[in-house]
């Protein structure tokens, strides 16, 4: 995650839509997205863009939990906590 005032790496590709993020990620590019100003929208957009393959998120909000959850659902990292035998 980076703040909006941070300079971006010239090798990053900025995606403006989910299909564009998917295409750029499939092509092996590092995909950056700028998230909306509203916190609820930023959290939802972060999860959707992470699912599409974006890896750099430009935002003023804390969207780390949404990004971590998406990484777990995609199988890219183990869950922070697992429980067995519930129920």
C-alpha atoms as a PDB file:
ATOM      1  CA  UNK A   1       0.000   0.000   0.000  1.00  0.00           C
ATOM      2  CA  UNK A   2       1.202   3.464  -0.811  1.00  0.00           C
ATOM      3  CA  UNK A   3      -0.208   6.904  -0.094  1.00  0.00           C
ATOM      4  CA  UNK A   4      -1.532   9.018  -2.986  1.00  0.00           C
ATOM      5  CA  UNK A   5       1.350  11.497  -2.663  1.00  0.00           C
ATOM      6  CA  UNK A   6       4.055   8.825  -3.162  1.00  0.00           C
ATOM      7  CA  UNK A   7       5.700   8.682  -6.572  1.00  0.00           C
ATOM      8  CA  UNK A   8       4.957   5.500  -8.472  1.00  0.00           C
ATOM      9  CA  UNK A   9       7.527   3.229 -10.064  1.00  0.00           C
ATOM     10  CA  UNK A  10       7.590   3.813 -13.837  1.00  0.00           C
ATOM     11  CA  UNK A  11       7.511   0.051 -14.420  1.00  0.00           C
ATOM     12  CA  UNK A  12       4.136  -0.321 -12.700  1.00  0.00           C
ATOM     13  CA  UNK A  13       1.018  -0.437 -14.848  1.00  0.00           C
ATOM     14  CA  UNK A  14      -1.960   1.506 -13.509  1.00  0.00           C
ATOM     15  CA  UNK A  15      -5.285  -0.256 -13.999  1.00  0.00           C
ATOM     16  CA  UNK A  16      -8.515   1.712 -14.158  1.00  0.00           C
ATOM     17  CA  UNK A  17     -10.903  -1.254 -14.255  1.00  0.00           C
ATOM     18  CA  UNK A  18     -11.091  -4.855 -13.063  1.00  0.00           C
ATOM     19  CA  UNK A  19     -10.776  -6.325 -16.575  1.00  0.00           C
ATOM     20  CA  UNK A  20      -7.740  -4.144 -17.226  1.00  0.00           C
ATOM     21  CA  UNK A  21      -6.170  -5.259 -13.914  1.00  0.00           C
ATOM     22  CA  UNK A  22      -6.731  -8.906 -14.858  1.00  0.00           C
ATOM     23  CA  UNK A  23      -5.188  -8.436 -18.309  1.00  0.00           C
ATOM     24  CA  UNK A  24      -2.134  -6.610 -16.966  1.00  0.00           C
ATOM     25  CA  UNK A  25      -1.585  -9.184 -14.195  1.00  0.00           C
ATOM     26  CA  UNK A  26      -1.928 -12.048 -16.708  1.00  0.00           C
ATOM     27  CA  UNK A  27       0.750 -10.335 -18.819  1.00  0.00           C
ATOM     28  CA  UNK A  28       3.094 -10.402 -15.811  1.00  0.00           C
ATOM     29  CA  UNK A  29       2.967  -6.684 -15.049  1.00  0.00           C
ATOM     30  CA  UNK A  30       2.991  -5.168 -11.553  1.00  0.00           C
ATOM     31  CA  UNK A  31      -0.489  -3.687 -11.331  1.00  0.00           C
ATOM     32  CA  UNK A  32      -1.263  -0.557  -9.319  1.00  0.00           C
ATOM     33  CA  UNK A  33      -4.722   0.825  -8.591  1.00  0.00           C
ATOM     34  CA  UNK A  34      -5.887   4.022  -6.951  1.00  0.00           C
ATOM     35  CA  UNK A  35      -8.700   3.237  -4.542  1.00  0.00           C
ATOM     36  CA  UNK A  36     -11.780   5.437  -3.992  1.00  0.00           C
ATOM     37  CA  UNK A  37     -11.874   8.062  -1.240  1.00  0.00           C
ATOM     38  CA  UNK A  38     -14.744   6.480   0.703  1.00  0.00           C
ATOM     39  CA  UNK A  39     -13.406   3.908   3.195  1.00  0.00           C
ATOM     40  CA  UNK A  40     -16.141   1.311   2.609  1.00  0.00           C
ATOM     41  CA  UNK A  41     -15.697   1.567  -1.156  1.00  0.00           C
ATOM     42  CA  UNK A  42     -11.906   1.397  -0.795  1.00  0.00           C
ATOM     43  CA  UNK A  43     -12.097  -1.838   1.219  1.00  0.00           C
ATOM     44  CA  UNK A  44     -14.436  -3.486  -1.297  1.00  0.00           C
ATOM     45  CA  UNK A  45     -12.407  -2.255  -4.276  1.00  0.00           C
ATOM     46  CA  UNK A  46      -9.141  -3.445  -2.689  1.00  0.00           C
ATOM     47  CA  UNK A  47     -10.490  -6.983  -2.299  1.00  0.00           C
ATOM     48  CA  UNK A  48     -11.839  -7.056  -5.864  1.00  0.00           C
ATOM     49  CA  UNK A  49      -8.650  -5.651  -7.406  1.00  0.00           C
ATOM     50  CA  UNK A  50      -6.461  -8.013  -5.360  1.00  0.00           C
ATOM     51  CA  UNK A  51      -8.551 -10.909  -6.670  1.00  0.00           C
ATOM     52  CA  UNK A  52      -7.955  -9.587 -10.205  1.00  0.00           C
ATOM     53  CA  UNK A  53      -4.183  -9.518  -9.631  1.00  0.00           C
ATOM     54  CA  UNK A  54      -3.356  -5.975  -8.519  1.00  0.00           C
ATOM     55  CA  UNK A  55      -0.425  -5.823  -6.093  1.00  0.00           C
ATOM     56  CA  UNK A  56       0.065  -2.094  -5.387  1.00  0.00           C
ATOM     57  CA  UNK A  57      -2.745  -0.083  -3.823  1.00  0.00           C
ATOM     58  CA  UNK A  58      -2.741   3.710  -3.656  1.00  0.00           C
ATOM     59  CA  UNK A  59      -5.014   4.799  -0.800  1.00  0.00           C
ATOM     60  CA  UNK A  60      -5.406   6.872   2.342  1.00  0.00           C
ATOM     61  CA  UNK A  61      -7.383   4.099   4.097  1.00  0.00           C
ATOM     62  CA  UNK A  62      -6.272   0.982   5.926  1.00  0.00           C
ATOM     63  CA  UNK A  63      -7.310  -1.842   3.614  1.00  0.00           C
ATOM     64  CA  UNK A  64      -4.732  -4.343   4.894  1.00  0.00           C
ATOM     65  CA  UNK A  65      -7.330  -6.706   6.414  1.00  0.00           C
ATOM     66  CA  UNK A  66      -9.247  -6.952   3.130  1.00  0.00           C
ATOM     67  CA  UNK A  67      -6.022  -7.606   1.219  1.00  0.00           C
ATOM     68  CA  UNK A  68      -4.876 -10.261   3.719  1.00  0.00           C
ATOM     69  CA  UNK A  69      -8.273 -11.997   3.538  1.00  0.00           C
ATOM     70  CA  UNK A  70      -8.159 -12.043  -0.259  1.00  0.00           C
ATOM     71  CA  UNK A  71      -4.643 -13.530  -0.250  1.00  0.00           C
ATOM     72  CA  UNK A  72      -5.862 -16.337   2.055  1.00  0.00           C
ATOM     73  CA  UNK A  73      -8.915 -17.043  -0.133  1.00  0.00           C
ATOM     74  CA  UNK A  74      -6.684 -17.234  -3.215  1.00  0.00           C
ATOM     75  CA  UNK A  75      -4.361 -19.665  -1.435  1.00  0.00           C
ATOM     76  CA  UNK A  76      -1.350 -17.351  -1.638  1.00  0.00           C
ATOM     77  CA  UNK A  77      -0.800 -17.343   2.130  1.00  0.00           C
ATOM     78  CA  UNK A  78      -1.989 -19.401   5.090  1.00  0.00           C
ATOM     79  CA  UNK A  79      -4.757 -18.074   7.334  1.00  0.00           C
ATOM     80  CA  UNK A  80      -3.663 -16.258  10.483  1.00  0.00           C
ATOM     81  CA  UNK A  81      -5.824 -18.581  12.597  1.00  0.00           C
ATOM     82  CA  UNK A  82      -7.479 -21.923  11.879  1.00  0.00           C
ATOM     83  CA  UNK A  83     -10.014 -23.757  13.992  1.00  0.00           C
ATOM     84  CA  UNK A  84     -11.021 -27.378  13.688  1.00  0.00           C
ATOM     85  CA  UNK A  85     -13.888 -29.346  15.092  1.00  0.00           C
ATOM     86  CA  UNK A  86     -16.270 -26.445  15.524  1.00  0.00           C
ATOM     87  CA  UNK A  87     -19.901 -27.276  15.711  1.00  0.00           C
END
